[in-house]
Amino acid sequence: MELPIKPPDRVVPEYSLTGDLLSYRRCAMQYRYYNGSALPPSRPVQMWYGEFIHGVLEGAFGMWRADPARFPFPWSCTPIPDAGAPSAPPGNLAPNDLRVIGWPIEEALAHEGKRARSRRARVSAYRRAEAAVNMLGPHLFPLIADAEQKVIGTRSLPMAPGMALRSERYALHGVIDVLTNVQLANVGEGNIIRDAVREACPDLQGTFEVIVDYKGSHRPPVDTDYWQLGEWQVQTYAWLRQRQQLANPVAAGILIYINELAPSSDDMRRLRGAMQRRQTDIVPTRGDPDYYALNAWTAGAAPRLTQAFRYRRAIRVIPVTEQSIDNATGQFDQIVAEIETRVREEEVRGSIRNTWPPTPDSAETCIACDFRFFCPRPAASPTELAAAAGAGDDDDV
């Protein structure tokens, strides 16, 4: 005798801030196949890079916090051999050599089927990790109160007219990369995090928290979805954090675009193009060394940008207020309502393709998509996608 399984009295759908909401905005159809069907991407290059950078920064901070005097900056990074499969670092390296920190992270990712696209991409990842640790570590590590902080909260789900959704509420969760507990008066002069927060929020007083999120990418143009979604993400993290007990007020969020600390040729080309189209907010003025370095740069040459300019490009401070939190969380409420409506429509129609339309935000999204070959509306033609897939520097990830 078979007994039917009793369905739950109430379904409260859970959404990840990055894995669901941001992925859905990237492309609805791609989101459904990857997230709704739990199909892993066949070429998880971007996943490898982002998780590698996060892992190295977390590992470096843990080691530094345990014994700051033993591990002063800068830290070294032993060069990767020119040929052959990825190999373990030599056994005579210092424990804070980034090859020593990065190797177990590479092994763990490999067990999950995530690997660098090429040796040059792997070298580029180590180069950027080295820049991030040595440029950010002296300023950020002393301020960190907690790393990899998990946060969760529930919110009311906007009801669609005439549509019975499966729940009146939804759970939203995420992981804050770094949580700092700051009192500006106690932070020494010359700390770039302190200076950036003070410039963006000049009226701050007392003790407050700053949320820091690492982005394994370049600074996006200000007229793109990535720019706006980054701000909404930080504001929503602030809302989630303030739901926790003993939390101080969240005064600001910081997005750190890691690629800007060690830009590749592709990053340099993007920056020059964004400057010409007036799509970026941090640009050098005529007469600055960086202005001439950018205009004199040629493909393949090392970027000669000053460290100060790289900091300004990498660090984006977003002030947090009750109004900005309400706006951001309201935007994500609407995204969840849209997803839940499509979930219900798929149940009625019985069709994925007729319910989840392709909405790619860029040709790059389609290039990395396993479903582009049967997509009815890709962002570019097959010829353009093939050309874009073969273009760019191999050191970019």
Protein backbone atom coordinates (compact mmCIF):
# COMPACT_ATOMS: atom_id res chain seq x y z
CA MET A 1 0.00 0.00 0.00
CA GLU A 2 1.39 3.36 -1.04
CA LEU A 3 0.69 6.37 1.14
CA PRO A 4 0.58 9.81 -0.50
CA ILE A 5 3.11 12.33 0.66
CA LYS A 6 1.47 15.12 2.59
CA PRO A 7 2.27 18.43 0.91
CA PRO A 8 3.54 21.23 3.11
CA ASP A 9 0.86 23.53 4.47
CA ARG A 10 2.72 26.56 3.25
CA VAL A 11 5.49 27.04 0.73
CA VAL A 12 7.94 29.86 1.39
CA PRO A 13 10.21 30.07 -1.66
CA GLU A 14 13.85 30.93 -0.97
CA TYR A 15 15.90 33.22 -3.17
CA SER A 16 19.61 33.92 -3.23
CA LEU A 17 20.45 37.54 -3.81
CA THR A 18 23.18 36.75 -6.34
CA GLY A 19 22.36 33.21 -7.50
CA ASP A 20 18.70 33.96 -8.24
CA LEU A 21 17.81 37.62 -8.51
CA LEU A 22 20.89 38.85 -10.33
CA SER A 23 20.96 35.73 -12.52
CA TYR A 24 17.32 36.25 -13.52
CA ARG A 25 18.03 39.83 -14.55
CA ARG A 26 20.89 38.54 -16.70
CA CYS A 27 18.56 36.30 -18.74
CA ALA A 28 15.21 34.77 -17.74
CA MET A 29 15.51 31.65 -19.91
CA GLN A 30 19.11 30.94 -18.87
CA TYR A 31 18.08 31.38 -15.23
CA ARG A 32 15.24 28.84 -15.59
CA TYR A 33 17.43 26.17 -17.13
CA TYR A 34 20.33 26.58 -14.70
CA ASN A 35 18.44 27.32 -11.48
CA GLY A 36 15.03 25.76 -12.02
CA SER A 37 16.44 22.57 -13.54
CA ALA A 38 19.68 22.48 -11.51
CA LEU A 39 21.70 22.00 -14.71
CA PRO A 40 25.38 22.87 -14.12
CA PRO A 41 27.09 25.03 -16.76
CA SER A 42 29.44 23.06 -18.96
CA ARG A 43 32.02 25.86 -19.00
CA PRO A 44 32.04 27.36 -15.49
CA VAL A 45 34.94 29.75 -16.20
CA GLN A 46 33.43 32.80 -14.53
CA MET A 47 32.43 30.71 -11.51
CA TRP A 48 36.01 29.48 -11.14
CA TYR A 49 37.49 32.96 -11.27
CA GLY A 50 35.07 34.57 -8.83
CA GLU A 51 35.28 31.77 -6.30
CA PHE A 52 39.07 31.61 -6.59
CA ILE A 53 39.46 35.34 -5.87
CA HIS A 54 37.04 35.16 -2.93
CA GLY A 55 38.80 32.11 -1.55
CA VAL A 56 42.27 33.64 -1.73
CA LEU A 57 41.15 36.86 -0.06
CA GLU A 58 39.36 34.98 2.71
CA GLY A 59 42.34 32.67 3.25
CA ALA A 60 44.79 35.57 3.30
CA PHE A 61 42.70 37.47 5.83
CA GLY A 62 42.40 34.44 8.12
CA MET A 63 46.15 33.94 8.09
CA TRP A 64 46.88 37.63 8.66
CA ARG A 65 44.36 37.93 11.52
CA ALA A 66 45.90 34.93 13.30
CA ASP A 67 49.38 36.54 13.38
CA PRO A 68 49.71 40.03 11.79
CA ALA A 69 53.29 40.49 12.98
CA ARG A 70 54.43 37.29 11.30
CA PHE A 71 52.89 38.15 7.92
CA PRO A 72 53.58 41.79 7.07
CA PHE A 73 52.73 43.14 3.63
CA PRO A 74 53.58 42.78 0.79
CA TRP A 75 53.06 39.06 0.28
CA SER A 76 54.81 37.14 -2.48
CA CYS A 77 53.40 35.04 -5.30
CA THR A 78 55.76 32.44 -6.81
CA PRO A 79 55.53 32.43 -10.64
CA ILE A 80 53.54 29.64 -12.27
CA PRO A 81 55.59 27.30 -14.53
CA ASP A 82 55.47 28.10 -18.23
CA ALA A 83 54.12 24.73 -19.35
CA GLY A 84 52.40 21.61 -18.15
CA ALA A 85 49.27 20.94 -16.13
CA PRO A 86 48.58 23.00 -12.99
CA SER A 87 51.00 21.78 -10.38
CA ALA A 88 51.32 22.15 -6.64
CA PRO A 89 53.72 24.89 -5.48
CA PRO A 90 57.22 23.94 -4.32
CA GLY A 91 57.44 22.83 -0.71
CA ASN A 92 59.97 25.48 0.36
CA LEU A 93 57.68 28.51 -0.03
CA ALA A 94 56.60 30.81 2.79
CA PRO A 95 53.16 29.92 4.20
CA ASN A 96 51.79 33.29 3.07
CA ASP A 97 52.96 32.86 -0.53
CA LEU A 98 49.78 33.19 -2.58
CA ARG A 99 50.59 30.02 -4.52
CA VAL A 100 50.44 28.14 -1.21
CA ILE A 101 47.10 29.76 -0.36
CA GLY A 102 45.65 29.39 -3.84
CA TRP A 103 46.55 25.76 -4.56
CA PRO A 104 44.07 24.08 -2.15
CA ILE A 105 41.39 26.45 -3.44
CA GLU A 106 42.15 25.34 -7.02
CA GLU A 107 41.95 21.69 -5.96
CA ALA A 108 38.62 22.19 -4.21
CA LEU A 109 37.17 23.96 -7.27
CA ALA A 110 38.50 21.23 -9.57
CA HIS A 111 36.55 18.64 -7.56
CA GLU A 112 33.44 20.68 -8.41
CA GLY A 113 34.31 20.70 -12.11
CA LYS A 114 35.49 24.32 -12.07
CA ARG A 115 38.82 25.08 -13.72
CA ALA A 116 40.57 28.02 -15.31
CA ARG A 117 40.06 28.29 -19.07
CA SER A 118 43.78 28.33 -19.76
CA ARG A 119 47.17 28.77 -18.18
CA ARG A 120 47.11 32.48 -19.04
CA ALA A 121 43.72 32.88 -17.36
CA ARG A 122 45.11 31.11 -14.28
CA VAL A 123 48.17 33.38 -14.23
CA SER A 124 45.89 36.40 -14.57
CA ALA A 125 43.80 35.24 -11.59
CA TYR A 126 46.91 34.91 -9.40
CA ARG A 127 48.14 38.31 -10.59
CA ARG A 128 44.87 39.94 -9.60
CA ALA A 129 44.72 38.06 -6.31
CA GLU A 130 48.24 39.28 -5.51
CA ALA A 131 47.25 42.87 -6.30
CA ALA A 132 44.09 42.57 -4.21
CA VAL A 133 45.88 41.17 -1.15
CA ASN A 134 48.80 43.60 -1.24
CA MET A 135 46.87 46.73 -2.24
CA LEU A 136 43.74 46.19 -0.16
CA GLY A 137 45.06 44.08 2.72
CA PRO A 138 46.95 46.80 4.65
CA HIS A 139 43.88 49.05 4.57
CA LEU A 140 40.95 46.62 4.73
CA PHE A 141 42.13 43.70 6.88
CA PRO A 142 42.54 45.76 10.11
CA LEU A 143 38.94 46.95 9.80
CA ILE A 144 37.27 43.57 9.26
CA ALA A 145 34.95 42.43 12.04
CA ASP A 146 33.66 39.35 10.21
CA ALA A 147 34.08 37.61 6.86
CA GLU A 148 31.63 35.47 4.89
CA GLN A 149 28.69 36.57 7.03
CA LYS A 150 25.48 34.72 6.11
CA VAL A 151 22.30 36.79 6.28
CA ILE A 152 18.65 35.88 5.73
CA GLY A 153 15.27 37.55 6.05
CA THR A 154 11.68 37.21 4.84
CA ARG A 155 9.65 39.75 2.92
CA SER A 156 6.09 40.14 1.70
CA LEU A 157 5.57 39.12 -1.90
CA PRO A 158 3.71 41.62 -4.09
CA MET A 159 0.58 39.95 -5.43
CA ALA A 160 -0.04 40.03 -9.18
CA PRO A 161 -3.64 40.96 -10.17
CA GLY A 162 -5.61 37.84 -11.03
CA MET A 163 -2.69 35.50 -10.30
CA ALA A 164 -2.72 33.14 -7.31
CA LEU A 165 0.93 32.74 -6.32
CA ARG A 166 2.20 29.91 -4.16
CA SER A 167 3.10 32.09 -1.17
CA GLU A 168 2.48 35.47 0.41
CA ARG A 169 6.11 35.77 1.56
CA TYR A 170 9.54 34.77 0.36
CA ALA A 171 12.89 34.22 2.05
CA LEU A 172 15.91 36.16 0.83
CA HIS A 173 19.44 35.13 1.74
CA GLY A 174 22.99 36.04 0.84
CA VAL A 175 26.59 36.03 2.02
CA ILE A 176 28.37 39.29 2.86
CA ASP A 177 32.03 39.01 1.86
CA VAL A 178 33.32 41.36 4.56
CA LEU A 179 31.67 43.19 7.42
CA THR A 180 33.60 46.04 9.00
CA ASN A 181 32.94 47.73 12.32
CA VAL A 182 34.21 51.26 11.91
CA GLN A 183 34.64 54.36 14.00
CA LEU A 184 36.31 56.85 11.69
CA ALA A 185 38.03 58.68 14.52
CA ASN A 186 39.90 55.48 15.43
CA VAL A 187 41.15 54.72 11.91
CA GLY A 188 44.55 56.11 11.03
CA GLU A 189 45.10 58.76 8.39
CA GLY A 190 45.94 57.48 4.93
CA ASN A 191 43.68 54.43 5.11
CA ILE A 192 42.04 54.31 1.67
CA ILE A 193 38.86 52.65 2.99
CA ARG A 194 38.46 55.33 5.65
CA ASP A 195 39.13 58.12 3.14
CA ALA A 196 36.68 56.69 0.59
CA VAL A 197 33.90 56.31 3.17
CA ARG A 198 34.51 59.79 4.57
CA GLU A 199 34.40 61.33 1.08
CA ALA A 200 31.10 59.62 0.21
CA CYS A 201 29.53 60.03 3.68
CA PRO A 202 31.04 63.19 5.24
CA ASP A 203 28.51 63.47 8.10
CA LEU A 204 29.04 60.05 9.69
CA GLN A 205 29.45 59.97 13.47
CA GLY A 206 29.88 57.21 16.05
CA THR A 207 30.28 53.49 15.39
CA PHE A 208 28.73 51.94 12.31
CA GLU A 209 29.13 49.02 9.94
CA VAL A 210 30.28 48.99 6.33
CA ILE A 211 29.44 46.08 4.03
CA VAL A 212 32.14 45.12 1.52
CA ASP A 213 31.46 42.95 -1.53
CA TYR A 214 34.20 41.77 -3.90
CA LYS A 215 33.41 41.80 -7.62
CA GLY A 216 35.64 39.76 -9.91
CA SER A 217 35.14 42.19 -12.78
CA HIS A 218 35.96 45.64 -14.09
CA ARG A 219 34.03 48.74 -12.99
CA PRO A 220 30.87 48.67 -15.15
CA PRO A 221 29.59 51.61 -17.20
CA VAL A 222 27.16 53.73 -15.24
CA ASP A 223 24.34 53.26 -17.76
CA THR A 224 24.20 49.45 -17.50
CA ASP A 225 22.13 47.04 -15.41
CA TYR A 226 25.29 45.83 -13.66
CA TRP A 227 25.85 49.30 -12.21
CA GLN A 228 22.32 49.61 -10.83
CA LEU A 229 22.10 45.99 -9.65
CA GLY A 230 25.34 46.37 -7.71
CA GLU A 231 23.84 49.25 -5.75
CA TRP A 232 20.60 47.37 -5.09
CA GLN A 233 22.59 44.35 -3.91
CA VAL A 234 24.52 46.38 -1.32
CA GLN A 235 21.37 48.10 -0.07
CA THR A 236 19.57 44.76 0.28
CA TYR A 237 22.54 43.29 2.16
CA ALA A 238 22.19 46.25 4.52
CA TRP A 239 18.50 45.46 5.05
CA LEU A 240 19.31 41.80 5.75
CA ARG A 241 22.14 42.71 8.11
CA GLN A 242 19.97 45.08 10.13
CA ARG A 243 17.52 42.24 10.77
CA GLN A 244 20.19 40.54 12.91
CA GLN A 245 20.61 41.07 16.61
CA LEU A 246 23.44 43.25 17.93
CA ALA A 247 24.05 44.76 14.50
CA ASN A 248 25.26 48.35 14.38
CA PRO A 249 23.69 50.71 11.83
CA VAL A 250 24.95 50.06 8.31
CA ALA A 251 26.21 53.39 7.00
CA ALA A 252 27.58 52.37 3.62
CA GLY A 253 28.39 49.55 1.28
CA ILE A 254 31.56 49.17 -0.74
CA LEU A 255 31.86 47.33 -4.03
CA ILE A 256 35.45 46.43 -4.89
CA TYR A 257 36.06 45.71 -8.58
CA ILE A 258 39.13 43.48 -8.38
CA ASN A 259 40.10 43.73 -12.07
CA GLU A 260 40.71 47.46 -11.72
CA LEU A 261 43.65 46.77 -9.38
CA ALA A 262 45.48 44.80 -12.11
CA PRO A 263 43.78 45.67 -15.42
CA SER A 264 44.26 43.51 -18.50
CA SER A 265 44.40 44.68 -22.10
CA ASP A 266 40.65 44.10 -22.39
CA ASP A 267 40.07 46.22 -19.29
CA MET A 268 42.19 49.02 -20.74
CA ARG A 269 40.24 48.93 -24.00
CA ARG A 270 36.94 48.98 -22.12
CA LEU A 271 38.06 51.92 -20.02
CA ARG A 272 39.14 53.98 -23.01
CA GLY A 273 35.89 53.19 -24.81
CA ALA A 274 33.78 54.08 -21.75
CA MET A 275 35.68 57.35 -21.39
CA GLN A 276 35.10 58.27 -25.03
CA ARG A 277 31.37 57.52 -24.69
CA ARG A 278 31.22 59.23 -21.27
CA GLN A 279 29.83 56.08 -19.65
CA THR A 280 32.12 55.88 -16.62
CA ASP A 281 32.33 58.03 -13.52
CA ILE A 282 36.04 57.77 -12.61
CA VAL A 283 38.26 59.24 -15.30
CA PRO A 284 41.61 61.07 -15.24
CA THR A 285 41.67 64.73 -16.17
CA ARG A 286 43.91 66.21 -18.81
CA GLY A 287 47.31 66.82 -17.28
CA ASP A 288 47.20 63.81 -14.94
CA PRO A 289 49.80 61.08 -15.52
CA ASP A 290 46.97 58.57 -15.89
CA TYR A 291 45.41 60.59 -18.71
CA TYR A 292 48.58 60.33 -20.77
CA ALA A 293 49.15 56.71 -19.74
CA LEU A 294 45.71 55.75 -21.03
CA ASN A 295 46.05 57.60 -24.31
CA ALA A 296 49.57 56.33 -24.93
CA TRP A 297 48.77 52.72 -24.07
CA THR A 298 48.96 50.13 -26.87
CA ALA A 299 47.66 46.55 -26.93
CA GLY A 300 50.00 44.17 -25.17
CA ALA A 301 51.81 46.87 -23.22
CA ALA A 302 51.74 46.94 -19.43
CA PRO A 303 49.22 49.45 -18.01
CA ARG A 304 51.10 52.37 -16.46
CA LEU A 305 48.26 53.63 -14.33
CA THR A 306 49.10 55.06 -10.92
CA GLN A 307 48.15 53.17 -7.79
CA ALA A 308 45.94 56.04 -6.64
CA PHE A 309 43.92 55.90 -9.86
CA ARG A 310 43.54 52.11 -9.60
CA TYR A 311 42.20 52.51 -6.08
CA ARG A 312 39.66 55.07 -7.25
CA ARG A 313 38.51 52.79 -10.06
CA ALA A 314 38.33 49.71 -7.82
CA ILE A 315 36.50 51.15 -4.79
CA ARG A 316 32.88 52.28 -5.09
CA VAL A 317 31.24 53.53 -1.90
CA ILE A 318 27.43 53.53 -1.78
CA PRO A 319 25.79 55.45 1.10
CA VAL A 320 23.00 53.55 2.86
CA THR A 321 19.84 55.29 4.08
CA GLU A 322 16.35 54.08 4.96
CA GLN A 323 15.08 55.52 1.69
CA SER A 324 17.76 53.83 -0.43
CA ILE A 325 17.12 50.50 1.35
CA ASP A 326 13.37 50.77 0.74
CA ASN A 327 13.96 51.50 -2.95
CA ALA A 328 16.38 48.61 -3.48
CA THR A 329 14.37 46.00 -1.59
CA GLY A 330 11.25 47.15 -3.42
CA GLN A 331 13.01 46.56 -6.74
CA PHE A 332 13.98 43.02 -5.71
CA ASP A 333 10.41 42.39 -4.46
CA GLN A 334 9.21 43.10 -7.99
CA ILE A 335 11.82 40.75 -9.48
CA VAL A 336 10.74 37.94 -7.14
CA ALA A 337 7.08 38.61 -7.98
CA GLU A 338 7.94 38.33 -11.67
CA ILE A 339 9.77 35.03 -11.13
CA GLU A 340 6.94 33.63 -9.02
CA THR A 341 4.42 34.65 -11.70
CA ARG A 342 6.43 32.76 -14.31
CA VAL A 343 6.60 29.72 -12.01
CA ARG A 344 2.82 29.74 -11.83
CA GLU A 345 2.42 30.33 -15.57
CA GLU A 346 4.72 27.38 -16.34
CA GLU A 347 2.50 25.13 -14.21
CA VAL A 348 -0.52 26.22 -16.25
CA ARG A 349 1.09 26.19 -19.71
CA GLY A 350 3.37 23.23 -19.21
CA SER A 351 6.05 24.89 -21.33
CA ILE A 352 9.39 26.43 -20.37
CA ARG A 353 10.11 28.15 -23.67
CA ASN A 354 6.69 29.82 -23.77
CA THR A 355 7.02 31.06 -20.20
CA TRP A 356 10.66 32.07 -19.73
CA PRO A 357 11.71 34.32 -22.64
CA PRO A 358 15.37 34.91 -23.48
CA THR A 359 16.30 38.34 -22.16
CA PRO A 360 20.11 38.43 -22.48
CA ASP A 361 21.72 41.61 -21.25
CA SER A 362 24.79 41.25 -23.47
CA ALA A 363 26.45 39.10 -26.11
CA GLU A 364 28.85 37.86 -23.40
CA THR A 365 25.89 36.35 -21.53
CA CYS A 366 24.97 34.37 -24.65
CA ILE A 367 28.57 33.28 -25.31
CA ALA A 368 28.78 31.65 -21.89
CA CYS A 369 25.31 30.07 -22.17
CA ASP A 370 24.94 26.33 -22.92
CA PHE A 371 21.48 26.92 -24.42
CA ARG A 372 22.44 29.51 -27.05
CA PHE A 373 22.21 27.03 -29.91
CA PHE A 374 18.44 26.61 -29.58
CA CYS A 375 17.70 30.06 -28.15
CA PRO A 376 15.02 31.79 -30.28
CA ARG A 377 16.35 35.27 -29.57
CA PRO A 378 20.08 35.51 -28.73
CA ALA A 379 21.71 38.87 -28.17
CA ALA A 380 23.74 38.57 -31.35
CA SER A 381 23.84 36.57 -34.57
CA PRO A 382 25.73 33.23 -34.67
CA THR A 383 28.51 34.89 -36.65
CA GLU A 384 28.81 37.73 -34.15
CA LEU A 385 28.76 35.32 -31.22
CA ALA A 386 31.47 33.18 -32.78
CA ALA A 387 33.61 36.24 -33.45
CA ALA A 388 33.07 37.57 -29.92
CA ALA A 389 33.89 34.20 -28.42
CA GLY A 390 37.27 34.22 -30.13
CA ALA A 391 38.05 37.85 -29.43
CA GLY A 392 39.70 39.43 -26.42
CA ASP A 393 42.75 38.63 -24.40
CA ASP A 394 43.25 35.12 -23.23
CA ASP A 395 44.28 36.47 -19.85
CA ASP A 396 40.79 37.84 -19.26
CA VAL A 397 38.32 35.66 -17.38
